[in-house]
Amino acid sequence: MNRLVREKLDEGCAVVQAVARDAALHAVLADAARATAAALKSGRKLMVAGNGGSAADAQHLVAEFVSRLVEDRPAMRAVALTTDTSILTAVGNDYGYERVFARQIEAIGQSGDVFMGISTSGNSPNVLRALELCREMGIATIGLTGGAGGKMAPLCDYLIVIPSKVTMYIQQAHLALEHIFCLIVERHYFGVREPADAAMNAALPRA
């Protein structure tokens, strides 16, 4: 079992290292973050959605926006479309699971918003429907995926593809990039600031 632990850690690290060397990917991430900050400054919002582990990622990222990532600062406007079980089950029952995110975007989305769809395969039907609707509504689209990008590739203004076909390694890299995405949005939204006082940071609780 020790050998398995080391093997899987090495494989996951290799994927993250490949991402760390991909300057084109870094540029797309930075551009997506810059566009998101501009949308937030204009009074718009970030919406995020995914399935399974990617649903957890959506909620995790939105928590960083609304609470904080590192420094204490005002909340940023973001919502995860994966959290309201009444909406998810009603839309799933009445219209089909492939519309659970699109229906929410139809309800609360506005031109100028940003939607981030997370799908390790790039082929999740409900993420694809959401991306298609965003195109119709004038909502900018960010895609986080793996492999070759899947069907979501042509639907994304900003596409971030992890060079792996293994779901857990894609998700590990996604989480790292989601944190960096939030950090870059903060820098553009609030302006680059000096690191917060260490004592103040230590006094603030973290989950």
Protein backbone atom coordinates (compact mmCIF):
# COMPACT_ATOMS: atom_id res chain seq x y z
CA MET A 1 0.00 0.00 0.00
CA ASN A 2 2.88 2.39 0.68
CA ARG A 3 4.06 1.84 -2.88
CA LEU A 4 0.56 2.61 -4.19
CA VAL A 5 0.46 5.86 -2.21
CA ARG A 6 3.80 6.99 -3.63
CA GLU A 7 2.86 5.91 -7.17
CA LYS A 8 -0.41 7.84 -7.19
CA LEU A 9 1.16 10.93 -5.65
CA ASP A 10 3.91 10.85 -8.27
CA GLU A 11 1.37 10.49 -11.08
CA GLY A 12 -0.75 13.36 -9.76
CA CYS A 13 2.33 15.55 -9.30
CA ALA A 14 3.41 14.83 -12.87
CA VAL A 15 0.09 16.21 -14.16
CA VAL A 16 0.37 19.33 -12.00
CA GLN A 17 3.98 19.80 -13.15
CA ALA A 18 2.83 19.60 -16.78
CA VAL A 19 0.26 22.31 -16.00
CA ALA A 20 2.96 24.37 -14.28
CA ARG A 21 5.04 24.32 -17.49
CA ASP A 22 2.14 25.24 -19.82
CA ALA A 23 2.50 28.97 -20.47
CA ALA A 24 -0.47 29.02 -22.86
CA LEU A 25 -2.73 27.58 -20.16
CA HIS A 26 -1.45 30.18 -17.68
CA ALA A 27 -2.31 32.96 -20.13
CA VAL A 28 -5.87 31.66 -20.60
CA LEU A 29 -6.36 31.41 -16.83
CA ALA A 30 -5.09 34.95 -16.32
CA ASP A 31 -7.31 36.30 -19.12
CA ALA A 32 -10.36 34.51 -17.69
CA ALA A 33 -9.65 35.94 -14.25
CA ARG A 34 -9.18 39.43 -15.65
CA ALA A 35 -12.50 39.21 -17.51
CA THR A 36 -14.23 37.94 -14.37
CA ALA A 37 -12.87 40.81 -12.29
CA ALA A 38 -14.09 43.29 -14.91
CA ALA A 39 -17.56 41.71 -14.84
CA LEU A 40 -17.69 41.91 -11.04
CA LYS A 41 -16.58 45.54 -11.10
CA SER A 42 -19.46 46.31 -13.46
CA GLY A 43 -21.98 44.81 -11.04
CA ARG A 44 -22.24 41.40 -12.65
CA LYS A 45 -21.53 37.98 -11.08
CA LEU A 46 -19.72 34.68 -11.46
CA MET A 47 -21.82 31.50 -11.69
CA VAL A 48 -20.15 28.10 -11.32
CA ALA A 49 -21.42 24.55 -11.87
CA GLY A 50 -20.28 20.95 -12.26
CA ASN A 51 -21.22 17.40 -11.28
CA GLY A 52 -19.93 15.15 -8.50
CA GLY A 53 -16.44 16.22 -7.48
CA SER A 54 -16.74 19.15 -9.86
CA ALA A 55 -19.90 20.25 -7.99
CA ALA A 56 -17.82 20.28 -4.82
CA ASP A 57 -15.21 22.33 -6.69
CA ALA A 58 -17.89 24.81 -7.77
CA GLN A 59 -19.00 25.29 -4.17
CA HIS A 60 -15.41 25.46 -2.92
CA LEU A 61 -14.48 28.17 -5.42
CA VAL A 62 -17.59 30.23 -4.70
CA ALA A 63 -16.86 29.98 -0.97
CA GLU A 64 -13.44 31.53 -1.63
CA PHE A 65 -15.09 34.39 -3.53
CA VAL A 66 -17.78 35.11 -0.95
CA SER A 67 -15.66 34.51 2.16
CA ARG A 68 -11.96 34.94 1.34
CA LEU A 69 -8.99 33.11 -0.06
CA VAL A 70 -5.98 34.50 1.85
CA GLU A 71 -6.47 38.13 2.82
CA ASP A 72 -9.44 39.67 4.58
CA ARG A 73 -11.41 41.74 2.05
CA PRO A 74 -15.01 42.46 1.02
CA ALA A 75 -17.05 39.63 -0.49
CA MET A 76 -17.11 39.12 -4.25
CA ARG A 77 -20.35 38.27 -6.05
CA ALA A 78 -20.47 34.57 -6.96
CA VAL A 79 -22.99 31.73 -6.82
CA ALA A 80 -22.74 27.95 -7.17
CA LEU A 81 -25.60 26.43 -9.18
CA THR A 82 -25.18 23.08 -7.41
CA THR A 83 -26.56 23.81 -3.95
CA ASP A 84 -30.35 24.27 -4.01
CA THR A 85 -31.79 20.76 -3.81
CA SER A 86 -35.35 21.96 -4.37
CA ILE A 87 -34.38 23.61 -7.67
CA LEU A 88 -32.15 20.72 -8.73
CA THR A 89 -34.81 18.09 -8.06
CA ALA A 90 -37.70 20.13 -9.46
CA VAL A 91 -35.91 20.93 -12.72
CA GLY A 92 -34.51 17.40 -12.94
CA ASN A 93 -37.97 15.94 -12.46
CA ASP A 94 -39.90 18.38 -14.66
CA TYR A 95 -37.44 19.11 -17.47
CA GLY A 96 -34.61 16.59 -17.20
CA TYR A 97 -31.26 16.60 -15.41
CA GLU A 98 -29.52 18.09 -18.43
CA ARG A 99 -31.32 21.40 -17.74
CA VAL A 100 -30.61 21.80 -14.01
CA PHE A 101 -27.96 24.49 -14.59
CA ALA A 102 -29.38 26.14 -17.70
CA ARG A 103 -32.72 26.74 -16.00
CA GLN A 104 -31.00 28.59 -13.14
CA ILE A 105 -28.98 30.67 -15.59
CA GLU A 106 -32.23 31.52 -17.37
CA ALA A 107 -33.62 32.72 -14.03
CA ILE A 108 -30.71 34.71 -12.60
CA GLY A 109 -28.20 35.17 -15.43
CA GLN A 110 -27.63 38.55 -17.07
CA SER A 111 -25.68 39.70 -20.07
CA GLY A 112 -22.19 40.53 -18.84
CA ASP A 113 -22.11 37.76 -16.22
CA VAL A 114 -19.50 35.00 -16.27
CA PHE A 115 -20.24 31.27 -16.11
CA MET A 116 -17.61 28.66 -15.26
CA GLY A 117 -18.49 25.10 -16.23
CA ILE A 118 -16.37 22.33 -14.71
CA SER A 119 -16.40 18.92 -16.39
CA THR A 120 -13.46 16.51 -16.34
CA SER A 121 -14.69 14.87 -19.56
CA GLY A 122 -15.90 18.04 -21.24
CA ASN A 123 -19.09 16.20 -22.17
CA SER A 124 -21.46 16.66 -19.21
CA PRO A 125 -24.88 17.32 -20.84
CA ASN A 126 -26.05 19.77 -18.17
CA VAL A 127 -22.82 21.79 -18.41
CA LEU A 128 -23.10 21.82 -22.21
CA ARG A 129 -26.71 23.08 -22.06
CA ALA A 130 -25.62 25.81 -19.65
CA LEU A 131 -22.78 26.88 -21.93
CA GLU A 132 -25.09 26.97 -24.95
CA LEU A 133 -27.58 29.17 -23.12
CA CYS A 134 -24.81 31.50 -21.96
CA ARG A 135 -23.82 32.05 -25.59
CA GLU A 136 -27.41 33.06 -26.35
CA MET A 137 -27.61 35.40 -23.33
CA GLY A 138 -24.29 37.19 -23.76
CA ILE A 139 -22.67 35.56 -20.72
CA ALA A 140 -18.91 34.92 -20.90
CA THR A 141 -17.94 31.27 -20.53
CA ILE A 142 -14.99 29.60 -18.84
CA GLY A 143 -14.46 25.85 -19.16
CA LEU A 144 -12.33 23.64 -16.94
CA THR A 145 -11.87 20.16 -18.36
CA GLY A 146 -9.35 17.46 -19.25
CA GLY A 147 -8.30 15.18 -22.07
CA ALA A 148 -8.98 16.82 -25.43
CA GLY A 149 -11.59 19.25 -24.11
CA GLY A 150 -14.68 17.32 -25.18
CA LYS A 151 -17.82 18.89 -26.61
CA MET A 152 -17.53 21.94 -24.35
CA ALA A 153 -14.39 23.19 -26.13
CA PRO A 154 -16.12 25.25 -28.87
CA LEU A 155 -18.61 26.67 -26.35
CA CYS A 156 -16.02 28.32 -24.09
CA ASP A 157 -14.51 31.77 -24.41
CA TYR A 158 -11.74 30.61 -22.09
CA LEU A 159 -10.91 26.90 -22.12
CA ILE A 160 -8.52 25.34 -19.60
CA VAL A 161 -7.65 21.74 -20.43
CA ILE A 162 -5.69 19.54 -18.03
CA PRO A 163 -3.37 17.14 -19.92
CA SER A 164 -4.75 13.93 -18.42
CA LYS A 165 -7.61 11.50 -18.93
CA VAL A 166 -7.63 10.37 -15.28
CA THR A 167 -10.48 12.07 -13.40
CA MET A 168 -8.77 12.35 -10.01
CA TYR A 169 -5.65 13.94 -11.49
CA ILE A 170 -7.73 16.38 -13.53
CA GLN A 171 -9.66 17.35 -10.39
CA GLN A 172 -6.47 17.84 -8.39
CA ALA A 173 -5.14 20.22 -11.02
CA HIS A 174 -8.50 21.98 -11.30
CA LEU A 175 -8.51 22.77 -7.59
CA ALA A 176 -5.02 24.26 -7.74
CA LEU A 177 -6.00 26.43 -10.70
CA GLU A 178 -9.30 27.47 -9.10
CA HIS A 179 -7.41 28.86 -6.12
CA ILE A 180 -5.04 30.76 -8.42
CA PHE A 181 -8.00 32.00 -10.47
CA CYS A 182 -9.58 33.44 -7.32
CA LEU A 183 -6.27 35.05 -6.32
CA ILE A 184 -5.88 36.75 -9.71
CA VAL A 185 -9.49 37.98 -9.65
CA GLU A 186 -8.83 39.47 -6.20
CA ARG A 187 -5.73 41.26 -7.44
CA HIS A 188 -7.60 42.83 -10.37
CA TYR A 189 -10.76 43.57 -8.41
CA PHE A 190 -9.16 45.15 -5.37
CA GLY A 191 -5.77 46.13 -6.80
CA VAL A 192 -2.45 44.57 -5.84
CA ARG A 193 -1.94 45.06 -2.14
CA GLU A 194 0.84 44.35 0.28
CA PRO A 195 0.50 41.01 2.11
CA ALA A 196 -1.81 41.29 5.11
CA ASP A 197 -0.25 41.50 8.54
CA ALA A 198 0.61 37.96 9.67
CA ALA A 199 -0.91 38.49 13.10
CA MET A 200 -4.24 39.58 11.59
CA ASN A 201 -4.30 36.59 9.28
CA ALA A 202 -3.53 34.25 12.18
CA ALA A 203 -6.46 35.68 14.12
CA LEU A 204 -8.98 35.08 11.33
CA PRO A 205 -10.64 31.64 11.43
CA ARG A 206 -10.40 29.28 8.47
CA ALA A 207 -12.60 26.30 7.65
